[in-house]
Amino acid sequence: MDSSLWLVVAAVVALVMAGYAAVLLVRVFRARRLLLDAGVPLRSKALFWAAVAYTVSPIDLIPDPVYLDDIGVLLVALRALHTAAAKSGVDREELPG
């Protein structure tokens, strides 16, 4: 295989992962908006801000062409927000995702 083909494949994979990270970031923001008045503990709100800061930060565990760490952090934040919302009485149907 030609090296330019591998470069194209790598670029497409990086774009797909970046797009998935962007979708997750939007879902985190939507979930946070629903949880503002839900009595969610400060720890869950801090996790939200930590996930957003890590995602947009240029410092990563894995270099930025690979967004697996960003996606993982966003998934953990979404799960934590949904769990906190369920414990505070917000219906699961009201939460995005």
N, C-alpha and C. Protein backbone atom coordinates (compact mmCIF):
# COMPACT_ATOMS: atom_id res chain seq x y z
N MET A 1 0.83 -1.18 0.00
CA MET A 1 0.00 0.00 0.00
C MET A 1 0.88 1.25 0.00
N ASP A 2 0.37 2.22 -0.63
CA ASP A 2 1.07 3.49 -0.72
C ASP A 2 0.98 4.25 0.61
N SER A 3 2.03 4.98 0.94
CA SER A 3 2.04 5.71 2.21
C SER A 3 1.01 6.84 2.22
N SER A 4 0.67 7.37 1.06
CA SER A 4 -0.35 8.43 1.03
C SER A 4 -1.73 7.87 1.37
N LEU A 5 -1.98 6.61 1.04
CA LEU A 5 -3.25 5.98 1.39
C LEU A 5 -3.37 5.87 2.92
N TRP A 6 -2.29 5.48 3.59
CA TRP A 6 -2.31 5.39 5.05
C TRP A 6 -2.53 6.77 5.67
N LEU A 7 -1.97 7.77 5.08
CA LEU A 7 -2.15 9.13 5.58
C LEU A 7 -3.61 9.56 5.46
N VAL A 8 -4.23 9.23 4.35
CA VAL A 8 -5.65 9.56 4.15
C VAL A 8 -6.52 8.79 5.15
N VAL A 9 -6.23 7.51 5.34
CA VAL A 9 -6.99 6.70 6.30
C VAL A 9 -6.84 7.27 7.71
N ALA A 10 -5.62 7.64 8.10
CA ALA A 10 -5.38 8.21 9.42
C ALA A 10 -6.12 9.54 9.58
N ALA A 11 -6.14 10.36 8.54
CA ALA A 11 -6.85 11.64 8.60
C ALA A 11 -8.35 11.43 8.75
N VAL A 12 -8.90 10.46 8.04
CA VAL A 12 -10.33 10.17 8.13
C VAL A 12 -10.68 9.67 9.53
N VAL A 13 -9.87 8.77 10.08
CA VAL A 13 -10.11 8.25 11.43
C VAL A 13 -10.03 9.38 12.45
N ALA A 14 -9.05 10.26 12.30
CA ALA A 14 -8.92 11.39 13.23
C ALA A 14 -10.13 12.32 13.14
N LEU A 15 -10.63 12.56 11.95
CA LEU A 15 -11.80 13.41 11.78
C LEU A 15 -13.06 12.77 12.38
N VAL A 16 -13.20 11.47 12.21
CA VAL A 16 -14.36 10.77 12.77
C VAL A 16 -14.32 10.83 14.29
N MET A 17 -13.15 10.60 14.88
CA MET A 17 -13.03 10.65 16.33
C MET A 17 -13.23 12.06 16.85
N ALA A 18 -12.74 13.07 16.14
CA ALA A 18 -12.95 14.46 16.54
C ALA A 18 -14.44 14.81 16.48
N GLY A 19 -15.12 14.34 15.46
CA GLY A 19 -16.56 14.57 15.35
C GLY A 19 -17.32 13.90 16.48
N TYR A 20 -16.93 12.69 16.85
CA TYR A 20 -17.58 11.99 17.95
C TYR A 20 -17.34 12.72 19.27
N ALA A 21 -16.13 13.22 19.47
CA ALA A 21 -15.83 14.00 20.68
C ALA A 21 -16.67 15.28 20.71
N ALA A 22 -16.85 15.92 19.57
CA ALA A 22 -17.66 17.13 19.52
C ALA A 22 -19.12 16.83 19.84
N VAL A 23 -19.65 15.72 19.33
CA VAL A 23 -21.03 15.33 19.63
C VAL A 23 -21.18 15.06 21.13
N LEU A 24 -20.22 14.38 21.72
CA LEU A 24 -20.28 14.12 23.16
C LEU A 24 -20.20 15.40 23.98
N LEU A 25 -19.39 16.34 23.53
CA LEU A 25 -19.28 17.61 24.24
C LEU A 25 -20.63 18.34 24.22
N VAL A 26 -21.31 18.32 23.10
CA VAL A 26 -22.64 18.94 23.00
C VAL A 26 -23.62 18.22 23.92
N ARG A 27 -23.55 16.89 23.98
CA ARG A 27 -24.45 16.14 24.86
C ARG A 27 -24.17 16.46 26.33
N VAL A 28 -22.91 16.66 26.69
CA VAL A 28 -22.58 17.03 28.06
C VAL A 28 -23.17 18.39 28.39
N PHE A 29 -23.06 19.36 27.46
CA PHE A 29 -23.64 20.68 27.70
C PHE A 29 -25.16 20.60 27.84
N ARG A 30 -25.82 19.79 27.04
CA ARG A 30 -27.27 19.64 27.14
C ARG A 30 -27.67 19.02 28.47
N ALA A 31 -26.94 18.01 28.90
CA ALA A 31 -27.24 17.37 30.18
C ALA A 31 -27.02 18.34 31.32
N ARG A 32 -25.99 19.15 31.26
CA ARG A 32 -25.71 20.11 32.32
C ARG A 32 -26.81 21.14 32.41
N ARG A 33 -27.31 21.58 31.25
CA ARG A 33 -28.37 22.59 31.25
C ARG A 33 -29.62 22.06 31.96
N LEU A 34 -29.93 20.78 31.79
CA LEU A 34 -31.08 20.20 32.46
C LEU A 34 -30.84 20.03 33.95
N LEU A 35 -29.59 19.91 34.37
CA LEU A 35 -29.29 19.61 35.77
C LEU A 35 -29.02 20.85 36.61
N LEU A 36 -29.10 22.03 36.04
CA LEU A 36 -28.81 23.24 36.80
C LEU A 36 -29.70 23.39 38.03
N ASP A 37 -30.98 23.12 37.89
CA ASP A 37 -31.91 23.31 39.00
C ASP A 37 -32.34 21.99 39.63
N ALA A 38 -31.61 20.93 39.39
CA ALA A 38 -32.04 19.62 39.85
C ALA A 38 -31.47 19.23 41.20
N GLY A 39 -30.73 20.10 41.85
CA GLY A 39 -30.15 19.76 43.13
C GLY A 39 -29.00 18.78 43.02
N VAL A 40 -28.31 18.81 41.92
CA VAL A 40 -27.18 17.91 41.70
C VAL A 40 -26.00 18.38 42.55
N PRO A 41 -25.28 17.45 43.18
CA PRO A 41 -24.16 17.83 44.03
C PRO A 41 -23.07 18.59 43.28
N LEU A 42 -22.34 19.37 44.03
CA LEU A 42 -21.26 20.18 43.46
C LEU A 42 -20.20 19.31 42.78
N ARG A 43 -19.98 18.11 43.31
CA ARG A 43 -18.98 17.21 42.73
C ARG A 43 -19.31 16.88 41.28
N SER A 44 -20.57 16.64 40.98
CA SER A 44 -20.98 16.32 39.61
C SER A 44 -20.83 17.54 38.70
N LYS A 45 -21.12 18.71 39.23
CA LYS A 45 -20.95 19.93 38.44
C LYS A 45 -19.47 20.19 38.18
N ALA A 46 -18.62 19.91 39.17
CA ALA A 46 -17.18 20.07 38.99
C ALA A 46 -16.66 19.08 37.95
N LEU A 47 -17.21 17.87 37.95
CA LEU A 47 -16.80 16.88 36.95
C LEU A 47 -17.15 17.36 35.54
N PHE A 48 -18.30 18.01 35.41
CA PHE A 48 -18.68 18.58 34.12
C PHE A 48 -17.62 19.57 33.64
N TRP A 49 -17.26 20.53 34.51
CA TRP A 49 -16.28 21.54 34.10
C TRP A 49 -14.90 20.93 33.86
N ALA A 50 -14.55 19.91 34.61
CA ALA A 50 -13.26 19.25 34.39
C ALA A 50 -13.24 18.54 33.03
N ALA A 51 -14.36 17.90 32.66
CA ALA A 51 -14.43 17.22 31.36
C ALA A 51 -14.34 18.22 30.22
N VAL A 52 -15.03 19.34 30.34
CA VAL A 52 -14.97 20.37 29.29
C VAL A 52 -13.55 20.93 29.19
N ALA A 53 -12.94 21.24 30.32
CA ALA A 53 -11.59 21.81 30.31
C ALA A 53 -10.60 20.81 29.72
N TYR A 54 -10.72 19.54 30.06
CA TYR A 54 -9.80 18.54 29.53
C TYR A 54 -9.98 18.39 28.02
N THR A 55 -11.22 18.44 27.56
CA THR A 55 -11.49 18.25 26.14
C THR A 55 -10.91 19.39 25.29
N VAL A 56 -11.02 20.61 25.77
CA VAL A 56 -10.52 21.74 24.97
C VAL A 56 -9.07 22.07 25.28
N SER A 57 -8.50 21.43 26.30
CA SER A 57 -7.11 21.69 26.68
C SER A 57 -6.14 21.10 25.65
N PRO A 58 -5.06 21.80 25.37
CA PRO A 58 -4.07 21.24 24.45
C PRO A 58 -3.21 20.15 25.11
N ILE A 59 -3.28 20.00 26.42
CA ILE A 59 -2.52 18.98 27.13
C ILE A 59 -3.40 17.75 27.28
N ASP A 60 -2.95 16.61 26.75
CA ASP A 60 -3.73 15.38 26.77
C ASP A 60 -2.85 14.21 27.22
N LEU A 61 -3.52 13.14 27.66
CA LEU A 61 -2.80 11.91 27.97
C LEU A 61 -2.30 11.26 26.68
N ILE A 62 -3.12 11.31 25.65
CA ILE A 62 -2.77 10.80 24.33
C ILE A 62 -2.75 12.00 23.40
N PRO A 63 -1.73 12.15 22.53
CA PRO A 63 -1.67 13.33 21.65
C PRO A 63 -2.95 13.54 20.85
N ASP A 64 -3.25 14.80 20.53
CA ASP A 64 -4.54 15.20 19.99
C ASP A 64 -5.00 14.55 18.69
N PRO A 65 -4.16 14.08 17.80
CA PRO A 65 -4.75 13.41 16.64
C PRO A 65 -5.59 12.20 17.03
N VAL A 66 -5.38 11.67 18.23
CA VAL A 66 -6.16 10.55 18.73
C VAL A 66 -7.02 11.07 19.88
N TYR A 67 -8.34 11.10 19.68
CA TYR A 67 -9.26 11.70 20.64
C TYR A 67 -9.87 10.68 21.59
N LEU A 68 -9.26 9.51 21.73
CA LEU A 68 -9.83 8.49 22.59
C LEU A 68 -9.91 8.93 24.05
N ASP A 69 -8.90 9.62 24.54
CA ASP A 69 -8.93 10.07 25.93
C ASP A 69 -10.00 11.13 26.14
N ASP A 70 -10.16 12.04 25.18
CA ASP A 70 -11.21 13.05 25.28
C ASP A 70 -12.60 12.41 25.29
N ILE A 71 -12.80 11.44 24.42
CA ILE A 71 -14.07 10.74 24.34
C ILE A 71 -14.35 10.00 25.64
N GLY A 72 -13.34 9.37 26.20
CA GLY A 72 -13.50 8.66 27.46
C GLY A 72 -13.88 9.58 28.61
N VAL A 73 -13.22 10.73 28.69
CA VAL A 73 -13.54 11.70 29.75
C VAL A 73 -14.96 12.21 29.60
N LEU A 74 -15.38 12.50 28.38
CA LEU A 74 -16.74 12.98 28.15
C LEU A 74 -17.78 11.90 28.47
N LEU A 75 -17.49 10.65 28.14
CA LEU A 75 -18.43 9.58 28.47
C LEU A 75 -18.56 9.40 29.98
N VAL A 76 -17.46 9.51 30.71
CA VAL A 76 -17.52 9.42 32.17
C VAL A 76 -18.33 10.58 32.74
N ALA A 77 -18.13 11.77 32.20
CA ALA A 77 -18.88 12.94 32.69
C ALA A 77 -20.38 12.77 32.41
N LEU A 78 -20.73 12.28 31.23
CA LEU A 78 -22.15 12.06 30.92
C LEU A 78 -22.78 11.04 31.85
N ARG A 79 -22.07 9.95 32.08
CA ARG A 79 -22.59 8.91 32.97
C ARG A 79 -22.77 9.46 34.39
N ALA A 80 -21.81 10.23 34.86
CA ALA A 80 -21.89 10.80 36.21
C ALA A 80 -23.05 11.79 36.31
N LEU A 81 -23.24 12.61 35.28
CA LEU A 81 -24.34 13.57 35.29
C LEU A 81 -25.69 12.87 35.26
N HIS A 82 -25.82 11.83 34.47
CA HIS A 82 -27.07 11.09 34.41
C HIS A 82 -27.35 10.38 35.73
N THR A 83 -26.32 9.82 36.34
CA THR A 83 -26.50 9.16 37.63
C THR A 83 -26.91 10.16 38.71
N ALA A 84 -26.25 11.31 38.73
CA ALA A 84 -26.59 12.34 39.72
C ALA A 84 -28.00 12.86 39.50
N ALA A 85 -28.41 12.98 38.24
CA ALA A 85 -29.77 13.45 37.95
C ALA A 85 -30.79 12.42 38.41
N ALA A 86 -30.50 11.15 38.20
CA ALA A 86 -31.43 10.11 38.62
C ALA A 86 -31.57 10.10 40.14
N LYS A 87 -30.47 10.30 40.84
CA LYS A 87 -30.52 10.31 42.31
C LYS A 87 -31.27 11.53 42.84
N SER A 88 -31.24 12.63 42.07
CA SER A 88 -31.91 13.84 42.54
C SER A 88 -33.35 13.95 42.06
N GLY A 89 -33.81 12.97 41.28
CA GLY A 89 -35.22 12.92 40.90
C GLY A 89 -35.54 13.40 39.50
N VAL A 90 -34.56 13.71 38.68
CA VAL A 90 -34.82 14.10 37.29
C VAL A 90 -35.13 12.84 36.50
N ASP A 91 -36.22 12.87 35.72
CA ASP A 91 -36.59 11.70 34.91
C ASP A 91 -35.54 11.43 33.86
N ARG A 92 -35.30 10.15 33.61
CA ARG A 92 -34.32 9.74 32.59
C ARG A 92 -34.75 10.20 31.20
N GLU A 93 -36.07 10.29 30.95
CA GLU A 93 -36.55 10.71 29.64
C GLU A 93 -36.23 12.17 29.35
N GLU A 94 -36.02 12.98 30.38
CA GLU A 94 -35.71 14.39 30.19
C GLU A 94 -34.27 14.63 29.78
N LEU A 95 -33.41 13.63 30.03
CA LEU A 95 -31.99 13.79 29.75
C LEU A 95 -31.69 13.39 28.32
N PRO A 96 -30.84 14.15 27.62
CA PRO A 96 -30.45 13.76 26.27
C PRO A 96 -29.50 12.58 26.31
N GLY A 97 -29.58 11.73 25.29
CA GLY A 97 -28.62 10.64 25.16
C GLY A 97 -28.94 9.43 25.85
